[in-house]
Structures are given as structure tokens and as C-alpha cells.
Protein backbone atom coordinates (compact mmCIF):
# COMPACT_ATOMS: atom_id res chain seq x y z
CA MET A 1 26.35 86.35 -61.49
CA ILE A 2 27.71 89.77 -62.01
CA THR A 3 24.98 91.96 -60.07
CA SER A 4 24.88 95.94 -60.44
CA SER A 5 26.64 96.53 -56.91
CA SER A 6 29.68 94.37 -58.48
CA PHE A 7 29.93 95.69 -61.68
CA PRO A 8 31.76 99.13 -60.17
CA LEU A 9 34.11 96.94 -58.41
CA LEU A 10 34.47 94.48 -62.14
CA CYS A 11 35.18 97.91 -64.36
CA LEU A 12 37.93 98.87 -61.64
CA THR A 13 39.53 95.50 -61.41
CA VAL A 14 39.37 95.20 -64.93
CA SER A 15 40.72 99.18 -65.84
CA ILE A 16 44.33 97.50 -63.47
CA LEU A 17 44.49 94.82 -65.06
CA PHE A 18 44.51 97.01 -68.48
CA LEU A 19 47.19 99.35 -66.67
CA LEU A 20 49.15 97.34 -64.94
CA PRO A 21 53.20 97.93 -66.36
CA LEU A 22 54.02 95.33 -68.64
CA PRO A 23 57.66 96.23 -69.74
CA SER A 24 58.39 95.82 -73.66
CA SER A 25 61.21 93.20 -72.77
CA TYR A 26 58.72 90.97 -71.14
CA SER A 27 56.07 91.53 -73.49
CA ALA A 28 54.54 88.52 -75.33
CA ASP A 29 53.55 90.27 -78.80
CA PRO A 30 55.74 92.86 -80.82
CA ASP A 31 54.63 96.81 -80.42
CA PRO A 32 52.19 98.21 -83.24
CA LEU A 33 53.79 99.97 -86.00
CA GLN A 34 50.33 101.38 -86.59
CA ASP A 35 47.15 102.88 -84.66
CA LEU A 36 45.05 99.56 -85.04
CA CYS A 37 45.82 96.63 -86.77
CA VAL A 38 42.15 94.94 -86.63
CA ALA A 39 42.38 90.86 -87.59
CA ASP A 40 41.41 90.04 -90.98
CA LEU A 41 40.53 86.59 -89.86
CA SER A 42 39.33 85.11 -92.87
CA ALA A 43 43.11 85.88 -94.24
CA SER A 44 44.14 83.19 -91.96
CA THR A 45 45.12 79.91 -91.54
CA PRO A 46 44.17 77.67 -88.15
CA ALA A 47 48.13 77.25 -87.43
CA ASP A 48 48.78 80.80 -88.46
CA TYR A 49 47.85 82.92 -85.91
CA ASN A 50 49.69 86.23 -87.12
CA PHE A 51 46.99 88.13 -88.65
CA PRO A 52 47.32 90.44 -91.48
CA CYS A 53 45.25 94.23 -91.00
CA LYS A 54 41.93 94.12 -92.00
CA PRO A 55 41.33 97.01 -94.83
CA ILE A 56 40.72 100.57 -93.15
CA SER A 57 38.18 100.71 -95.48
CA GLU A 58 36.11 97.53 -93.91
CA ILE A 59 36.84 98.55 -89.87
CA THR A 60 33.59 99.71 -88.39
CA SER A 61 33.28 100.20 -84.52
CA ASP A 62 32.29 97.11 -83.57
CA ASP A 63 35.81 95.47 -84.28
CA PHE A 64 36.90 97.54 -80.89
CA PHE A 65 34.03 96.48 -78.62
CA PHE A 66 33.14 93.26 -77.10
CA ASP A 67 30.01 91.40 -75.17
CA GLY A 68 31.34 87.79 -74.60
CA LEU A 69 32.92 88.60 -71.04
CA THR A 70 29.10 89.48 -69.63
CA LYS A 71 27.97 85.86 -70.84
CA PRO A 72 28.83 82.73 -68.75
CA GLY A 73 30.37 79.35 -71.39
CA ASN A 74 29.24 75.98 -70.93
CA LYS A 75 30.99 74.53 -67.94
CA THR A 76 32.75 71.48 -68.68
CA LYS A 77 31.98 68.01 -67.52
CA VAL A 78 35.34 66.68 -66.59
CA PHE A 79 36.54 69.81 -64.89
CA GLY A 80 33.69 72.34 -63.78
CA VAL A 81 35.05 75.33 -65.42
CA SER A 82 33.96 77.19 -67.84
CA VAL A 83 35.80 79.85 -69.84
CA SER A 84 34.80 82.87 -72.18
CA ALA A 85 37.50 83.85 -73.87
CA GLY A 86 38.25 87.85 -75.16
CA ASN A 87 41.44 87.35 -77.20
CA VAL A 88 42.18 88.04 -80.69
CA LEU A 89 40.07 85.29 -82.19
CA THR A 90 36.62 86.81 -80.64
CA PHE A 91 38.03 89.86 -80.51
CA PRO A 92 39.38 91.33 -83.30
CA GLY A 93 40.05 94.56 -82.73
CA LEU A 94 42.87 93.49 -79.97
CA ASN A 95 45.16 92.22 -82.73
CA THR A 96 48.95 93.73 -82.26
CA LEU A 97 47.95 95.39 -78.71
CA GLY A 98 49.71 92.59 -76.51
CA ILE A 99 46.57 92.23 -74.51
CA SER A 100 43.36 89.95 -73.77
CA LEU A 101 41.31 88.71 -70.81
CA ASN A 102 39.00 85.90 -70.27
CA ARG A 103 35.80 85.16 -67.89
CA VAL A 104 36.42 82.18 -65.90
CA GLY A 105 32.88 80.81 -64.10
CA PHE A 106 33.56 77.37 -61.49
CA ALA A 107 30.89 75.05 -60.53
CA PRO A 108 32.06 73.92 -57.02
CA ARG A 109 34.86 72.28 -56.51
CA GLY A 110 35.52 72.94 -60.41
CA ILE A 111 39.19 73.18 -61.45
CA VAL A 112 41.28 74.93 -63.92
CA PRO A 113 43.96 71.98 -64.09
CA PRO A 114 47.64 72.49 -64.63
CA HIS A 115 48.24 74.04 -67.58
CA SER A 116 51.00 76.90 -68.89
CA HIS A 117 50.64 79.99 -70.89
CA PRO A 118 53.43 79.95 -74.02
CA ARG A 119 52.91 83.51 -74.68
CA ALA A 120 52.12 85.57 -71.89
CA SER A 121 51.75 86.36 -68.17
CA GLU A 122 48.68 86.03 -66.58
CA VAL A 123 47.04 88.50 -64.01
CA GLY A 124 43.57 87.69 -62.73
CA VAL A 125 40.94 89.39 -59.97
CA VAL A 126 38.68 87.23 -58.38
CA MET A 127 35.49 88.21 -58.66
CA GLU A 128 32.75 85.69 -56.45
CA GLY A 129 33.70 82.63 -54.43
CA LYS A 130 36.80 81.22 -52.74
CA ILE A 131 39.47 80.02 -55.32
CA LEU A 132 43.00 78.47 -54.59
CA THR A 133 45.64 79.29 -57.11
CA GLY A 134 48.92 78.03 -56.95
CA PHE A 135 52.14 77.60 -59.54
CA VAL A 136 55.46 75.88 -59.76
CA THR A 137 58.70 76.89 -61.16
CA THR A 138 61.28 75.72 -62.58
CA LYS A 139 63.27 74.77 -59.48
CA ASN A 140 60.06 72.80 -58.46
CA VAL A 141 58.89 75.57 -55.69
CA PHE A 142 55.74 75.72 -55.26
CA TYR A 143 53.65 79.08 -54.32
CA SER A 144 49.58 78.76 -53.19
CA LYS A 145 46.91 81.24 -51.19
CA VAL A 146 42.93 80.95 -51.23
CA LEU A 147 42.03 84.26 -52.78
CA THR A 148 38.33 85.44 -52.05
CA ALA A 149 36.74 88.63 -53.83
CA GLY A 150 38.88 91.83 -54.65
CA GLU A 151 42.08 89.87 -54.62
CA VAL A 152 44.70 89.68 -57.08
CA PHE A 153 46.82 86.80 -58.35
CA VAL A 154 49.92 86.86 -60.88
CA ILE A 155 51.37 84.15 -63.02
CA PRO A 156 54.64 84.55 -64.94
CA ARG A 157 54.93 83.38 -68.12
CA GLY A 158 54.73 79.91 -69.18
CA LEU A 159 55.08 78.69 -65.45
CA ILE A 160 52.23 75.56 -64.52
CA HIS A 161 49.41 76.43 -62.80
CA PHE A 162 45.91 75.50 -61.55
CA GLN A 163 43.41 77.42 -60.15
CA LEU A 164 40.53 75.17 -57.67
CA ASN A 165 37.13 76.51 -56.37
CA VAL A 166 37.28 75.46 -52.72
CA GLY A 167 34.49 77.46 -51.42
CA GLU A 168 30.71 76.01 -50.98
CA GLY A 169 28.87 77.65 -53.95
CA GLU A 170 30.18 78.84 -57.30
CA ALA A 171 33.17 81.12 -58.02
CA LEU A 172 33.83 83.61 -60.87
CA GLU A 173 37.46 85.21 -61.63
CA PHE A 174 38.55 87.43 -64.37
CA THR A 175 42.26 87.57 -66.29
CA ALA A 176 44.50 89.13 -68.39
CA PHE A 177 46.73 88.87 -70.46
CA ASN A 178 50.04 90.20 -71.75
CA SER A 179 49.61 89.39 -74.90
CA HIS A 180 46.31 89.11 -78.04
CA LEU A 181 46.49 85.21 -78.10
CA PRO A 182 48.79 83.73 -74.71
CA GLY A 183 47.44 80.26 -75.70
CA SER A 184 47.33 77.72 -73.08
CA ALA A 185 48.66 73.88 -72.49
CA ALA A 186 46.72 71.91 -70.24
CA VAL A 187 49.04 69.27 -68.92
CA PRO A 188 46.20 66.31 -68.74
CA LEU A 189 44.70 67.09 -71.93
CA ASN A 190 48.26 67.49 -73.55
CA LEU A 191 48.97 64.12 -72.17
CA PHE A 192 46.18 61.91 -72.50
CA SER A 193 44.21 63.47 -75.83
CA ALA A 194 46.70 63.83 -77.95
CA THR A 195 45.97 63.31 -81.66
CA PRO A 196 47.67 61.04 -82.18
CA SER A 197 48.10 59.54 -78.66
CA ILE A 198 51.06 59.65 -76.86
CA SER A 199 52.75 56.26 -76.72
CA ASP A 200 51.51 54.17 -73.37
CA HIS A 201 55.24 53.06 -72.88
CA VAL A 202 56.01 56.60 -73.25
CA LEU A 203 53.71 57.41 -70.25
CA THR A 204 54.02 54.02 -68.42
CA LYS A 205 57.45 54.65 -68.01
CA THR A 206 56.54 58.75 -67.45
CA PHE A 207 54.32 57.98 -64.32
CA LEU A 208 55.64 54.87 -63.27
CA VAL A 209 52.22 52.91 -63.49
CA GLY A 210 50.86 49.87 -65.57
CA GLU A 211 49.41 50.34 -68.90
CA ASP A 212 46.06 49.96 -67.44
CA ILE A 213 45.96 52.75 -65.30
CA ILE A 214 46.74 55.09 -68.48
CA ASP A 215 44.22 53.15 -70.07
CA ASN A 216 42.07 54.23 -67.53
CA ILE A 217 42.90 57.97 -67.74
CA ARG A 218 43.13 58.20 -70.75
CA SER A 219 39.28 57.34 -71.17
CA LYS A 220 38.24 59.63 -69.41
CA PHE A 221 39.33 62.45 -71.90
CA ARG A 222 37.54 61.03 -74.98
CA PHE A 223 35.01 63.85 -75.20
């Protein structure tokens, strides 16, 4: 829970996250060509995230403010984490600005499983608890560290990474991205709950196990 004593730290860290220099050559989103471009979410299909701008006459102050990060989301039963996302889909004023952020809550032993963000690098700050954060490079080098309140981490764009609550109680972190919609490719979900399903033959050959093990794992991801 965010308390009155921790709120100033939250304000400071969120400000720092947005002010961190992100060179345009590494930016996931193109530079805007206008003062603002509030996303017209009704003008796009689910597969098309290049949102057009709302007409200026329809833009209001509410398009530039978002209270979603004050609210914890529902923690998943499988992984014990909740994510409140502040991206262009929930915060239309971010459209074309190349920034977004999430609130991530952890139950005891909760984990954000190995995943990657195809369109953004990630920087985050731990607000409460003790979180093990790690990522793996394309040369299979593993970097990790246990972080506590006030400490910051960064994940390079596209690399597989995770966060695990290693403290005794709940944990909380805020993460920011240099994209208005960074995307998330979660390894276990991609492999075991894809629609249509990935062939058992592919998975048994990949993990060098029998079909019974693959079927058992897949059954745990049928939500």
C-alpha cells in the first residue's frame, strides 16, 4: 500500500523515470510531428495499434490524466502478480509520446515470469518489499540482483527477464517504458497457452521431455 510517507518518493521516482535520457536512435516509437495526438481508440482494430489522433474538438483534460496506478489489479492465481498498465490502451494521451508505465504488485513468492518487451527498454523502481530481478542476454549471460525499496533496475529492449518476490510479505514496483505500447511476450504463456496450440512434437523436442510432461504443464495454463 502506498502511504503518505512513501508518496513523495513515488512522485520523485516516477519523475526520474520519465526524465531519463532515451536517445532517439534507441526509441521504440517515432518522434511526434505535432503538439499532441490523443489516441482515437474507437478507430482501430485490436490488431492495429497505430492509433489515429482524436479530432482536437473532442480532446478534454481527462485525456492527459490517469489514476490507474493508484489501484492494484487482481493478482493472478498462477503467478501471484497484478499489473495495472498505463499505456496507450488505458491512457490515450500517451499516444505517439514514446512513454508508458505499469504498477506491479506481488503476493508473497509471486513472480513476473520470464518475458520480453519487443518494442521497449524497461526501467523500474521497487517501492516496497524485496524483489529479485534478472535478465539474460542473447549470448546467454545472466545478470541479476535483489532490490529493495528505492532501488532501480533497467532491462534492455527485447531481452528475456523476470521479477520474483523474495521477501516475506507483499512487494510493489513501478516500471516505465520508452514506448506507448511496449508489448509483452511471456515465455510460458506463449508456449503453453497459444491458440491454436503449439504441437506437442515441437515442445517435446524443444525441452527433451515426454508428451505427458508437456500435457501436464499445458493444463496449468488453461484459464
